[in-house]
Amino acid sequence: MPQRPNFLVILADDLGFSDIGAFGGEIATPNLDALAANGLRLTDFHTAPTCSPTRSMLLTGTDHHIAGIGTMAEALTPDLIGKPGYEGHLNDRVVTLPELLREAGYQTLMSGKWHLGLTADLAPHARGFERSFSLLPGAANHYGFEPPYQDDTPRLLKSTPALYIEDDTFLDALPKDFYSSDAFGDKLLQYLKERDQTRPFFAYLPFSAPHWPLQAPAEIVEKYRGRYDAGPEALRLERLERLKALGLIEADVEPHPLIRLNAQWDALSDRQRQISARAMEVYAAMVERMDWNIGRVVDYLRQQGQLDNTFILFMSDNGAEGALLEAFPKFGPQLLTFLDRHYDNSLDNIGRANSYVWYGPSWAQVATAPSRLFKAFTTEGGIRVPALLHYPPLPVGGQISHGFGTVMDIAPTILDLAGVRHPGKQWRGKPVAPLRGKSWLGFLSGETAQVHDEHTVTGWELFGRRAIRQGHWKAVYIPGPVGPATWQLYDLAADPGEIHDLAQARPEKLEALIGHWQRYVEETGVILSESPFQPD
C-alpha cells in the first residue's frame, strides 16, 4: 500500500497579493520563494473577504454562511443573532477536515489563530485537532502586551478572559519573550517532534501576522529602514512591473486606479510620511519573520525525510487590510484617545509591544494591485490572494496556474489525496452540509485542464457587499460610501482590475448573473444586513 501523504496548511493573516518575493514583492521571503520555485503558484485563487469566514470555508469545504460565520462574530447585529448560519462560530451543521482525517487515522495538529469560537467547547480540540495551541479571537498584541482596561476602552481592543488555549486548557500567562509568529512555529515543531511516527499527519499553521497591530522584532525592522520612503504609489508601480516580469499578470494589464480614501503621500507632512513609512517597514518585518518560522518547519520536515511526502499549501486568508480603524464605529469614538493614553506610537517606538498602528488603504492597494480595493470587499482586491502549493509527487514544479480556484477546494483536495471520502449529507448520525468546493487532484496530476469550467458559479457576500461569478464574468454590488450601491458587471478576462462597468452594455449578462446570485442566497442562507463595520 503506498504511503499516505502528510499535509501542512499554512495561512497568513491579511497578507497582500504581491507581498512575498515569489509574487513580486521586495520583502525577504526566501523560504516561501523556494517552495514556489519548486511548486505551483496560483494567480486566480479566491477566499472570503475577511478572515474568519475564510477559515470556516478552508476547514469545511463549504460556504461560510452555511458553516456558522455568515458574518464575523464581531459584526453580528441583533437581526442576525440566532439565525442559522450566523452563530458566530463553527456550527454543528458541518464536519471539519481534521475531524474526517483524524477518523481516518491521521494525527491532527494545529498551532496558530483559530477565530472560529471563543470557548473551550468551540476550540480546535473540539473540532478534530488532537493537539492544538491557539489564539482564539481574531487579533491580539503580537507580544502579549495589554494596557489597563477602562469603561471607554474600544470594544475590539478588549481581550477575552483568556486569549490562548492549548488543547482544552486556557493559558494563565504568556512567556516573557513571547512573539506570536515564533510561538506558533515553536509549538508546531514541538508537536511534530512528539507525534506518533507511525501515522501520517495533518498540520495547520495559521499565523496571526501580518494582522494589525503592526509589531515585529526591531532588528528585522531595521533591515527595511528607508525602503518605503518614496511612498505607496512608487512601490505600487514597482511591484506591478515585477508581477509582469514574473508572468503573474499580463504585460498590458490595466490596474485599477488608486482609490483615495485617505490623505495622499504628497499631502502629508514630513513627520506623517516618516510614520507611515515606518508602519510599512514593520509590516515587512512581520512578513519576513513569518517566513523564517515557515522555514524552520520546512527544514525540520526535510531533516526527517518527510518533505517530499508532505503536501504543503500556503495562502493568505483575504486581501491586504486597508481599514482606517479610526473610522470604524465598532472601535468606538475613543480609539485614538485610548491609544494616545496607553501606547507609545512615537516614530522610534513603532513596532514595539506597546505601540499600536495599522498602515491604511494606500499601502494596502500597493499589495492588491492591479485589483480593486482590499480586505472586506467582494471586489478582486478583497478576495484574490496569493497561494502556492508544493508536493514533489505531482508534476507541477515551477509552474504558474491562472485557473480559477477557491478556498472551498482545499478540503476536497486534501481528502482526495488522503484517500478519505467526505460523508456527504450525514456524519455520525447527524445531518451535515455537503462539499461545495471541488478537488484539484485531477488538474494537479495533469488529467484535466482545469478545476472549474466556464459554467461554475461562485458567490460572495459579507457586510452587505456582494459578488457573483461565472467563468470570467463577475457582477459586484458595493454599498456606499465606497461603492455605487448598484450592481456592476465586469469581464475579468479583459478587465481584471474591475474598471470598466459593462452593466449597461450587457444587461442580459448581468440579469443572468443576478439570477445566479438569487440562487446562491437561497442555497447558502445569506441574510443581507447593514454592517457595523461600514465606516461613517
Protein backbone atom coordinates (compact mmCIF):
# COMPACT_ATOMS: atom_id res chain seq x y z
CA MET A 1 0.00 0.00 0.00
CA PRO A 2 1.51 3.40 -0.95
CA GLN A 3 2.43 5.75 1.88
CA ARG A 4 -0.30 8.27 2.63
CA PRO A 5 0.84 11.88 2.30
CA ASN A 6 1.26 14.31 5.17
CA PHE A 7 -0.34 17.74 4.93
CA LEU A 8 0.88 21.17 6.04
CA VAL A 9 -1.55 24.05 5.51
CA ILE A 10 -0.06 27.48 6.24
CA LEU A 11 -2.24 30.57 6.47
CA ALA A 12 -1.08 34.19 6.59
CA ASP A 13 -3.39 36.80 8.09
CA ASP A 14 -4.12 39.82 5.83
CA LEU A 15 -1.13 39.22 3.57
CA GLY A 16 -1.37 41.09 0.27
CA PHE A 17 -1.20 39.52 -3.18
CA SER A 18 2.27 40.89 -4.05
CA ASP A 19 3.91 40.95 -0.61
CA ILE A 20 6.16 37.88 -0.84
CA GLY A 21 9.06 37.63 -3.25
CA ALA A 22 7.54 34.83 -5.34
CA PHE A 23 4.57 37.11 -6.03
CA GLY A 24 6.53 40.24 -6.91
CA GLY A 25 7.32 41.68 -3.50
CA GLU A 26 10.52 43.21 -2.19
CA ILE A 27 10.08 41.63 1.28
CA ALA A 28 12.63 38.91 2.04
CA THR A 29 10.75 35.59 1.97
CA PRO A 30 13.36 33.05 0.87
CA ASN A 31 11.57 30.02 2.32
CA LEU A 32 8.25 30.68 0.61
CA ASP A 33 10.08 31.64 -2.57
CA ALA A 34 11.87 28.27 -2.55
CA LEU A 35 8.60 26.39 -2.12
CA ALA A 36 7.12 28.38 -5.01
CA ALA A 37 10.13 27.79 -7.25
CA ASN A 38 9.63 24.04 -6.88
CA GLY A 39 5.85 24.17 -6.64
CA LEU A 40 2.79 25.77 -8.20
CA ARG A 41 1.76 29.41 -7.88
CA LEU A 42 -1.95 30.18 -8.18
CA THR A 43 -2.84 33.64 -9.52
CA ASP A 44 -6.65 33.37 -9.55
CA PHE A 45 -7.27 31.85 -6.14
CA HIS A 46 -10.10 33.27 -4.04
CA THR A 47 -11.17 33.42 -0.40
CA ALA A 48 -13.91 35.20 1.52
CA PRO A 49 -13.42 38.95 2.05
CA THR A 50 -12.23 38.54 5.67
CA CYS A 51 -10.51 36.09 7.97
CA SER A 52 -13.00 34.01 9.99
CA PRO A 53 -15.32 33.36 7.02
CA THR A 54 -12.32 32.12 5.02
CA ARG A 55 -11.12 29.89 7.86
CA SER A 56 -14.54 28.27 8.12
CA MET A 57 -14.53 27.57 4.37
CA LEU A 58 -11.00 26.16 4.43
CA LEU A 59 -11.79 23.66 7.19
CA THR A 60 -15.19 22.54 5.86
CA GLY A 61 -15.16 22.88 2.07
CA THR A 62 -18.45 24.77 2.09
CA ASP A 63 -19.69 28.36 2.19
CA HIS A 64 -19.19 30.37 5.38
CA HIS A 65 -22.90 31.25 5.56
CA ILE A 66 -23.59 27.53 5.97
CA ALA A 67 -20.69 26.86 8.38
CA GLY A 68 -21.78 29.41 11.01
CA ILE A 69 -19.81 32.52 10.04
CA GLY A 70 -22.44 34.23 7.88
CA THR A 71 -20.82 37.35 9.21
CA MET A 72 -17.90 37.80 11.57
CA ALA A 73 -18.83 37.27 15.22
CA GLU A 74 -17.61 40.80 15.91
CA ALA A 75 -20.13 42.16 13.39
CA LEU A 76 -23.26 40.29 14.46
CA THR A 77 -26.23 42.64 14.68
CA PRO A 78 -29.47 41.99 16.61
CA ASP A 79 -31.31 40.99 13.43
CA LEU A 80 -28.73 38.27 12.74
CA ILE A 81 -28.23 36.78 16.20
CA GLY A 82 -29.79 33.34 16.46
CA LYS A 83 -30.27 32.88 12.72
CA PRO A 84 -28.99 29.63 11.14
CA GLY A 85 -25.53 30.15 9.70
CA TYR A 86 -24.95 33.23 11.85
CA GLU A 87 -23.87 31.52 15.05
CA GLY A 88 -20.56 33.39 15.05
CA HIS A 89 -18.65 30.13 15.45
CA LEU A 90 -18.16 26.90 13.50
CA ASN A 91 -21.55 25.23 13.85
CA ASP A 92 -22.64 21.60 14.06
CA ARG A 93 -24.11 21.59 10.55
CA VAL A 94 -20.63 20.94 9.14
CA VAL A 95 -17.97 18.28 9.58
CA THR A 96 -14.42 19.58 9.56
CA LEU A 97 -11.39 18.41 7.62
CA PRO A 98 -9.42 17.49 10.80
CA GLU A 99 -12.42 15.54 12.13
CA LEU A 100 -12.53 13.42 8.98
CA LEU A 101 -8.76 12.97 8.74
CA ARG A 102 -8.45 12.03 12.41
CA GLU A 103 -11.19 9.44 11.96
CA ALA A 104 -9.17 8.07 9.04
CA GLY A 105 -6.03 7.63 11.15
CA TYR A 106 -4.26 10.96 10.66
CA GLN A 107 -2.66 12.80 13.56
CA THR A 108 -4.11 16.33 13.51
CA LEU A 109 -2.03 19.23 14.79
CA MET A 110 -2.64 22.96 14.93
CA SER A 111 -0.69 25.99 16.09
CA GLY A 112 -1.98 29.48 15.37
CA LYS A 113 -5.03 31.71 15.10
CA TRP A 114 -8.45 29.99 15.30
CA HIS A 115 -11.13 32.75 15.15
CA LEU A 116 -13.96 30.20 14.92
CA GLY A 117 -15.17 30.19 18.53
CA LEU A 118 -14.03 31.68 21.84
CA THR A 119 -14.90 28.98 24.38
CA ALA A 120 -13.26 25.65 25.18
CA ASP A 121 -16.17 23.70 23.69
CA LEU A 122 -15.71 25.60 20.41
CA ALA A 123 -11.90 25.48 20.34
CA PRO A 124 -9.78 23.46 17.88
CA HIS A 125 -9.54 20.38 20.12
CA ALA A 126 -13.36 20.13 19.95
CA ARG A 127 -13.33 20.17 16.14
CA GLY A 128 -10.86 17.42 15.35
CA PHE A 129 -7.38 18.54 16.41
CA GLU A 130 -5.53 16.11 18.67
CA ARG A 131 -3.02 18.76 19.69
CA SER A 132 -3.60 22.48 19.38
CA PHE A 133 -2.14 25.75 20.59
CA SER A 134 -4.43 28.57 19.54
CA LEU A 135 -5.15 32.26 19.66
CA LEU A 136 -8.95 32.13 19.84
CA PRO A 137 -10.04 35.69 18.87
CA GLY A 138 -9.39 37.46 15.60
CA ALA A 139 -6.47 39.62 16.73
CA ALA A 140 -4.17 40.28 19.67
CA ASN A 141 -1.00 42.09 20.55
CA HIS A 142 1.78 40.01 19.00
CA TYR A 143 3.92 40.40 22.12
CA GLY A 144 1.12 39.77 24.62
CA PHE A 145 1.18 43.37 25.90
CA GLU A 146 -2.09 44.51 27.46
CA PRO A 147 -2.82 48.02 28.75
CA PRO A 148 -5.29 48.62 31.59
CA TYR A 149 -8.92 48.42 30.54
CA GLN A 150 -11.47 51.08 31.38
CA ASP A 151 -15.10 51.78 30.58
CA ASP A 152 -14.09 53.74 27.47
CA THR A 153 -11.73 51.07 26.12
CA PRO A 154 -12.64 50.46 22.44
CA ARG A 155 -14.57 47.23 22.22
CA LEU A 156 -12.28 45.44 19.78
CA LEU A 157 -9.23 46.19 21.93
CA LYS A 158 -10.63 44.38 24.94
CA SER A 159 -9.30 40.85 25.38
CA THR A 160 -11.42 37.82 26.06
CA PRO A 161 -10.86 36.36 29.56
CA ALA A 162 -8.18 34.17 28.03
CA LEU A 163 -6.74 34.63 24.56
CA TYR A 164 -4.72 31.44 24.16
CA ILE A 165 -5.68 27.84 24.73
CA GLU A 166 -3.64 24.64 24.47
CA ASP A 167 -5.85 21.64 23.81
CA ASP A 168 -8.69 22.24 26.33
CA THR A 169 -6.76 24.37 28.84
CA PHE A 170 -6.59 28.16 28.75
CA LEU A 171 -3.18 29.71 29.38
CA ASP A 172 -2.80 31.75 32.56
CA ALA A 173 0.12 33.75 31.16
CA LEU A 174 2.45 34.02 28.18
CA PRO A 175 6.26 33.70 28.34
CA LYS A 176 8.16 36.98 28.71
CA ASP A 177 9.83 36.52 25.33
CA PHE A 178 6.53 35.74 23.55
CA TYR A 179 6.09 36.80 19.92
CA SER A 180 3.16 35.29 18.06
CA SER A 181 4.87 34.00 14.91
CA ASP A 182 7.76 32.50 16.88
CA ALA A 183 5.40 30.92 19.39
CA PHE A 184 3.29 29.32 16.66
CA GLY A 185 6.39 28.00 14.92
CA ASP A 186 7.83 26.67 18.20
CA LYS A 187 4.66 24.86 19.19
CA LEU A 188 4.06 23.20 15.82
CA LEU A 189 7.66 21.98 15.81
CA GLN A 190 7.12 20.56 19.30
CA TYR A 191 4.00 18.71 18.17
CA LEU A 192 5.74 17.36 15.08
CA LYS A 193 8.66 16.09 17.16
CA GLU A 194 6.34 14.46 19.70
CA ARG A 195 3.95 12.95 17.15
CA ASP A 196 3.21 9.29 16.57
CA GLN A 197 5.67 8.46 13.79
CA THR A 198 3.54 5.53 12.61
CA ARG A 199 0.71 7.81 11.48
CA PRO A 200 0.59 10.47 8.77
CA PHE A 201 -0.14 13.99 9.95
CA PHE A 202 -2.31 16.96 9.05
CA ALA A 203 -0.69 20.14 10.39
CA TYR A 204 -2.38 23.55 10.32
CA LEU A 205 -0.21 26.64 10.86
CA PRO A 206 -2.40 29.77 10.71
CA PHE A 207 -0.32 32.81 11.66
CA SER A 208 -1.83 36.00 13.09
CA ALA A 209 0.81 38.00 11.20
CA PRO A 210 0.79 40.42 9.49
CA HIS A 211 -2.58 41.44 11.01
CA TRP A 212 -2.58 44.69 12.99
CA PRO A 213 -1.27 45.82 15.39
CA LEU A 214 1.90 46.01 13.29
CA GLN A 215 4.70 44.70 15.52
CA ALA A 216 7.98 42.95 14.78
CA PRO A 217 11.48 42.43 16.20
CA ALA A 218 13.46 45.66 15.99
CA GLU A 219 16.49 44.11 14.26
CA ILE A 220 14.33 42.94 11.36
CA VAL A 221 12.52 46.26 11.06
CA GLU A 222 15.91 47.95 10.80
CA LYS A 223 16.65 45.99 7.62
CA TYR A 224 13.85 47.89 5.86
CA ARG A 225 14.80 51.34 7.13
CA GLY A 226 14.25 53.83 4.33
CA ARG A 227 12.93 51.23 1.87
CA TYR A 228 9.47 52.80 1.74
CA ASP A 229 10.37 56.48 1.91
CA ALA A 230 9.19 57.08 -1.68
CA GLY A 231 5.63 56.23 -0.63
CA PRO A 232 2.95 53.77 -1.69
CA GLU A 233 2.38 54.90 -5.26
CA ALA A 234 6.05 54.41 -6.15
CA LEU A 235 6.06 50.94 -4.57
CA ARG A 236 2.81 50.07 -6.35
CA LEU A 237 4.37 50.77 -9.75
CA GLU A 238 7.48 48.82 -8.80
CA ARG A 239 5.51 45.76 -7.79
CA LEU A 240 3.29 45.87 -10.88
CA GLU A 241 6.38 45.71 -13.08
CA ARG A 242 7.73 42.80 -11.08
CA LEU A 243 4.41 40.93 -11.35
CA LYS A 244 4.56 41.37 -15.12
CA ALA A 245 8.17 40.20 -15.29
CA LEU A 246 7.29 37.05 -13.32
CA GLY A 247 4.38 36.26 -15.62
CA LEU A 248 1.85 36.55 -12.81
CA ILE A 249 -0.18 39.25 -14.59
CA GLU A 250 -0.43 40.24 -18.24
CA ALA A 251 2.07 42.78 -19.55
CA ASP A 252 -0.74 45.03 -20.83
CA VAL A 253 -2.92 44.79 -17.72
CA GLU A 254 -4.80 47.97 -16.76
CA PRO A 255 -4.55 48.31 -12.97
CA HIS A 256 -7.45 49.81 -11.09
CA PRO A 257 -6.64 53.43 -10.21
CA LEU A 258 -5.65 54.04 -6.61
CA ILE A 259 -8.85 54.79 -4.68
CA ARG A 260 -8.10 57.77 -2.50
CA LEU A 261 -9.65 57.08 0.89
CA ASN A 262 -7.13 58.99 2.97
CA ALA A 263 -4.58 61.79 2.56
CA GLN A 264 -2.10 61.04 -0.20
CA TRP A 265 1.67 60.94 0.18
CA ASP A 266 2.40 64.39 -1.22
CA ALA A 267 -0.20 65.96 1.06
CA LEU A 268 1.37 64.54 4.22
CA SER A 269 3.88 66.40 6.36
CA ASP A 270 7.42 65.07 6.59
CA ARG A 271 6.61 63.64 10.02
CA GLN A 272 3.45 61.93 8.78
CA ARG A 273 5.36 60.36 5.89
CA GLN A 274 8.02 59.06 8.29
CA ILE A 275 5.39 57.44 10.50
CA SER A 276 3.59 55.91 7.52
CA ALA A 277 6.82 54.54 6.05
CA ARG A 278 7.81 53.12 9.44
CA ALA A 279 4.49 51.28 9.68
CA MET A 280 5.23 49.67 6.31
CA GLU A 281 8.75 48.79 7.46
CA VAL A 282 7.27 46.97 10.46
CA TYR A 283 4.74 45.21 8.23
CA ALA A 284 7.57 43.96 6.01
CA ALA A 285 9.46 42.71 9.06
CA MET A 286 6.37 40.80 10.22
CA VAL A 287 6.16 39.03 6.87
CA GLU A 288 9.88 38.21 6.90
CA ARG A 289 9.65 36.77 10.42
CA MET A 290 6.65 34.66 9.44
CA ASP A 291 8.67 33.30 6.50
CA TRP A 292 11.57 32.48 8.85
CA ASN A 293 9.26 30.40 11.02
CA ILE A 294 7.85 28.62 7.98
CA GLY A 295 11.45 27.83 7.04
CA ARG A 296 12.07 26.22 10.42
CA VAL A 297 9.12 23.85 9.92
CA VAL A 298 10.11 23.02 6.34
CA ASP A 299 13.72 22.40 7.38
CA TYR A 300 12.56 20.00 10.09
CA LEU A 301 10.46 18.04 7.59
CA ARG A 302 13.46 17.90 5.25
CA GLN A 303 15.75 16.64 8.02
CA GLN A 304 13.21 13.97 8.90
CA GLY A 305 12.92 12.81 5.30
CA GLN A 306 9.26 13.83 5.22
CA LEU A 307 9.35 16.88 2.93
CA ASP A 308 8.80 15.04 -0.34
CA ASN A 309 5.81 13.21 1.15
CA THR A 310 4.19 16.36 2.57
CA PHE A 311 1.61 18.34 0.61
CA ILE A 312 2.28 21.97 1.56
CA LEU A 313 -0.23 24.72 0.84
CA PHE A 314 0.41 28.38 1.66
CA MET A 315 -2.14 31.16 1.24
CA SER A 316 -3.46 34.40 2.69
CA ASP A 317 -6.90 34.48 4.29
CA ASN A 318 -8.06 37.56 2.38
CA GLY A 319 -6.76 40.64 0.60
CA ALA A 320 -4.48 43.18 2.25
CA GLU A 321 -6.00 45.09 5.18
CA GLY A 322 -6.77 48.66 4.17
CA ALA A 323 -9.05 49.67 7.01
CA LEU A 324 -8.86 53.07 8.63
CA LEU A 325 -9.61 51.75 12.10
CA GLU A 326 -10.31 55.22 13.43
CA ALA A 327 -13.31 55.41 11.04
CA PHE A 328 -14.95 52.18 12.20
CA PRO A 329 -17.80 52.67 14.68
CA LYS A 330 -17.15 49.21 16.13
CA PHE A 331 -13.94 50.54 17.69
CA GLY A 332 -15.84 53.34 19.39
CA PRO A 333 -15.21 57.07 19.26
CA GLN A 334 -12.33 56.97 21.75
CA LEU A 335 -9.88 54.78 19.80
CA LEU A 336 -7.22 57.42 19.14
CA THR A 337 -7.61 58.91 22.62
CA PHE A 338 -7.17 55.48 24.17
CA LEU A 339 -4.09 54.74 22.07
CA ASP A 340 -2.54 58.10 22.97
CA ARG A 341 -3.10 57.35 26.64
CA HIS A 342 -1.87 53.77 26.80
CA TYR A 343 0.52 53.24 23.86
CA ASP A 344 3.69 54.89 22.60
CA ASN A 345 3.33 55.44 18.86
CA SER A 346 6.31 57.74 18.58
CA LEU A 347 8.40 57.15 15.47
CA ASP A 348 11.22 55.26 17.19
CA ASN A 349 8.78 53.04 19.14
CA ILE A 350 6.51 51.95 16.30
CA GLY A 351 6.63 48.16 16.06
CA ARG A 352 7.33 47.55 19.73
CA ALA A 353 4.99 45.74 22.12
CA ASN A 354 3.50 48.97 23.49
CA SER A 355 2.79 50.50 20.08
CA TYR A 356 -0.42 50.04 18.11
CA VAL A 357 -0.51 51.04 14.43
CA TRP A 358 -2.00 49.95 11.10
CA TYR A 359 -0.96 51.03 7.62
CA GLY A 360 -4.18 52.07 5.88
CA PRO A 361 -5.72 51.91 2.38
CA SER A 362 -2.87 53.33 0.29
CA TRP A 363 -0.31 50.72 1.34
CA ALA A 364 -2.97 48.01 1.07
CA GLN A 365 -3.62 48.96 -2.54
CA VAL A 366 0.07 48.53 -3.24
CA ALA A 367 -0.36 44.85 -2.42
CA THR A 368 -3.71 44.26 -4.14
CA ALA A 369 -2.81 45.94 -7.46
CA PRO A 370 -3.88 45.51 -10.20
CA SER A 371 -7.11 44.67 -8.39
CA ARG A 372 -9.75 46.97 -6.91
CA LEU A 373 -9.91 47.74 -3.19
CA PHE A 374 -8.82 45.39 -0.39
CA LYS A 375 -9.91 43.24 2.56
CA ALA A 376 -13.62 43.26 3.48
CA PHE A 377 -14.72 43.97 -0.11
CA THR A 378 -16.05 41.45 -2.64
CA THR A 379 -14.02 43.10 -5.39
CA GLU A 380 -10.92 41.19 -6.51
CA GLY A 381 -8.68 43.16 -4.15
CA GLY A 382 -10.55 41.71 -1.18
CA ILE A 383 -10.88 38.08 -2.29
CA ARG A 384 -8.00 37.32 -4.68
CA VAL A 385 -4.99 36.18 -2.68
CA PRO A 386 -1.52 34.70 -3.14
CA ALA A 387 -1.48 30.91 -2.91
CA LEU A 388 1.12 28.26 -3.67
CA LEU A 389 1.46 24.56 -3.19
CA HIS A 390 4.46 22.25 -3.01
CA TYR A 391 4.22 18.48 -3.40
CA PRO A 392 7.00 16.76 -5.40
CA PRO A 393 4.95 13.69 -6.45
CA LEU A 394 2.73 15.97 -8.56
CA PRO A 395 4.07 17.28 -11.91
CA VAL A 396 3.59 20.99 -11.12
CA GLY A 397 7.06 22.10 -10.01
CA GLY A 398 7.97 25.63 -11.02
CA GLN A 399 4.66 26.28 -12.75
CA ILE A 400 2.06 29.06 -12.61
CA SER A 401 -1.67 28.44 -12.86
CA HIS A 402 -4.05 31.20 -13.92
CA GLY A 403 -7.09 28.97 -13.41
CA PHE A 404 -9.88 29.93 -11.02
CA GLY A 405 -9.98 28.30 -7.61
CA THR A 406 -11.47 28.91 -4.17
CA VAL A 407 -10.62 28.17 -0.58
CA MET A 408 -13.55 25.70 -0.55
CA ASP A 409 -11.49 23.49 -2.87
CA ILE A 410 -8.83 22.79 -0.25
CA ALA A 411 -10.78 20.32 1.90
CA PRO A 412 -11.91 18.11 -1.02
CA THR A 413 -8.39 18.19 -2.49
CA ILE A 414 -6.78 17.06 0.76
CA LEU A 415 -9.43 14.41 1.35
CA ASP A 416 -8.87 13.13 -2.19
CA LEU A 417 -5.10 12.94 -1.72
CA ALA A 418 -5.57 11.18 1.63
CA GLY A 419 -7.99 8.67 0.16
CA VAL A 420 -10.77 9.80 2.50
CA ARG A 421 -14.36 10.15 1.34
CA HIS A 422 -16.48 13.06 2.58
CA PRO A 423 -19.64 11.63 4.16
CA GLY A 424 -21.93 13.80 2.07
CA LYS A 425 -25.05 14.86 3.95
CA GLN A 426 -24.75 12.82 7.14
CA TRP A 427 -21.92 12.11 9.61
CA ARG A 428 -22.14 10.16 12.85
CA GLY A 429 -25.92 10.18 12.73
CA LYS A 430 -26.41 13.90 12.24
CA PRO A 431 -27.03 15.97 9.08
CA VAL A 432 -24.03 17.88 7.73
CA ALA A 433 -23.53 20.13 4.74
CA PRO A 434 -22.00 18.55 1.63
CA LEU A 435 -18.89 19.96 -0.02
CA ARG A 436 -19.29 22.97 -2.30
CA GLY A 437 -15.63 23.02 -3.33
CA LYS A 438 -14.04 20.76 -5.92
CA SER A 439 -10.90 18.63 -5.70
CA TRP A 440 -7.84 19.83 -7.61
CA LEU A 441 -6.34 16.34 -7.87
CA GLY A 442 -7.30 15.74 -11.50
CA PHE A 443 -5.87 19.10 -12.51
CA LEU A 444 -2.70 18.72 -10.43
CA SER A 445 -2.00 15.27 -11.84
CA GLY A 446 -2.44 16.50 -15.40
CA GLU A 447 -5.61 14.54 -16.10
CA THR A 448 -7.80 17.61 -16.58
CA ALA A 449 -7.04 21.06 -17.99
CA GLN A 450 -8.81 22.99 -15.25
CA VAL A 451 -10.56 22.65 -11.91
CA HIS A 452 -13.60 24.82 -12.62
CA ASP A 453 -15.07 25.21 -16.09
CA GLU A 454 -16.82 28.26 -17.54
CA HIS A 455 -20.16 27.13 -16.10
CA THR A 456 -19.01 27.16 -12.45
CA VAL A 457 -20.88 29.74 -10.35
CA THR A 458 -19.35 31.14 -7.16
CA GLY A 459 -20.89 33.72 -4.86
CA TRP A 460 -19.61 36.03 -2.13
CA GLU A 461 -21.31 38.17 0.50
CA LEU A 462 -20.12 39.96 3.60
CA PHE A 463 -21.28 43.19 5.27
CA GLY A 464 -23.87 43.63 2.51
CA ARG A 465 -21.15 43.61 -0.15
CA ARG A 466 -21.91 41.04 -2.83
CA ALA A 467 -20.44 39.34 -5.87
CA ILE A 468 -21.33 36.50 -8.20
CA ARG A 469 -19.02 34.97 -10.81
CA GLN A 470 -19.50 32.54 -13.66
CA GLY A 471 -16.47 31.85 -15.82
CA HIS A 472 -14.75 35.18 -16.44
CA TRP A 473 -17.91 37.24 -15.88
CA LYS A 474 -18.45 38.82 -12.47
CA ALA A 475 -21.17 41.03 -11.03
CA VAL A 476 -20.34 43.14 -7.97
CA TYR A 477 -22.53 45.16 -5.59
CA ILE A 478 -20.69 47.51 -3.23
CA PRO A 479 -22.83 49.76 -0.97
CA GLY A 480 -21.91 53.36 -0.32
CA PRO A 481 -19.91 55.29 0.56
CA VAL A 482 -17.13 53.36 -1.21
CA GLY A 483 -19.30 51.80 -3.92
CA PRO A 484 -22.19 53.00 -6.09
CA ALA A 485 -24.81 50.79 -4.35
CA THR A 486 -25.83 49.19 -7.64
CA TRP A 487 -24.81 46.04 -9.49
CA GLN A 488 -21.77 46.42 -11.73
CA LEU A 489 -20.62 43.95 -14.38
CA TYR A 490 -17.05 43.09 -15.35
CA ASP A 491 -15.34 40.82 -17.85
CA LEU A 492 -12.35 39.68 -15.80
CA ALA A 493 -10.63 38.15 -18.82
CA ALA A 494 -10.29 41.59 -20.41
CA ASP A 495 -10.56 43.72 -17.27
CA PRO A 496 -9.04 42.05 -14.18
CA GLY A 497 -8.89 45.44 -12.45
CA GLU A 498 -12.70 45.76 -12.46
CA ILE A 499 -12.56 49.19 -14.06
CA HIS A 500 -14.99 49.12 -16.99
CA ASP A 501 -18.56 48.52 -15.88
CA LEU A 502 -20.48 46.69 -18.61
CA ALA A 503 -23.88 46.65 -16.86
CA GLN A 504 -25.43 48.98 -19.44
CA ALA A 505 -23.73 47.37 -22.41
CA ARG A 506 -24.55 43.75 -21.44
CA PRO A 507 -27.83 43.82 -19.49
CA GLU A 508 -28.66 40.22 -20.41
CA LYS A 509 -25.38 39.00 -18.89
CA LEU A 510 -25.98 41.00 -15.72
CA GLU A 511 -29.53 39.68 -15.46
CA ALA A 512 -28.29 36.09 -15.77
CA LEU A 513 -25.69 36.62 -13.06
CA ILE A 514 -28.24 38.21 -10.71
CA GLY A 515 -30.37 35.10 -11.23
CA HIS A 516 -27.36 33.03 -10.12
CA TRP A 517 -26.94 35.39 -7.16
CA GLN A 518 -30.51 34.76 -6.03
CA ARG A 519 -29.93 31.01 -6.18
CA TYR A 520 -26.71 31.43 -4.20
CA VAL A 521 -28.65 33.30 -1.48
CA GLU A 522 -31.25 30.52 -1.34
CA GLU A 523 -28.64 27.75 -1.19
CA THR A 524 -26.44 29.32 1.49
CA GLY A 525 -28.91 31.23 3.64
CA VAL A 526 -27.46 34.70 3.12
CA ILE A 527 -29.23 37.38 5.16
CA LEU A 528 -28.49 40.88 3.91
CA SER A 529 -27.87 43.23 6.81
CA GLU A 530 -26.25 46.61 7.27
CA SER A 531 -22.77 46.10 8.64
CA PRO A 532 -21.44 47.73 11.81
CA PHE A 533 -18.06 47.65 10.05
CA GLN A 534 -19.16 50.22 7.47
CA PRO A 535 -17.24 53.46 8.04
CA ASP A 536 -19.31 56.51 8.95
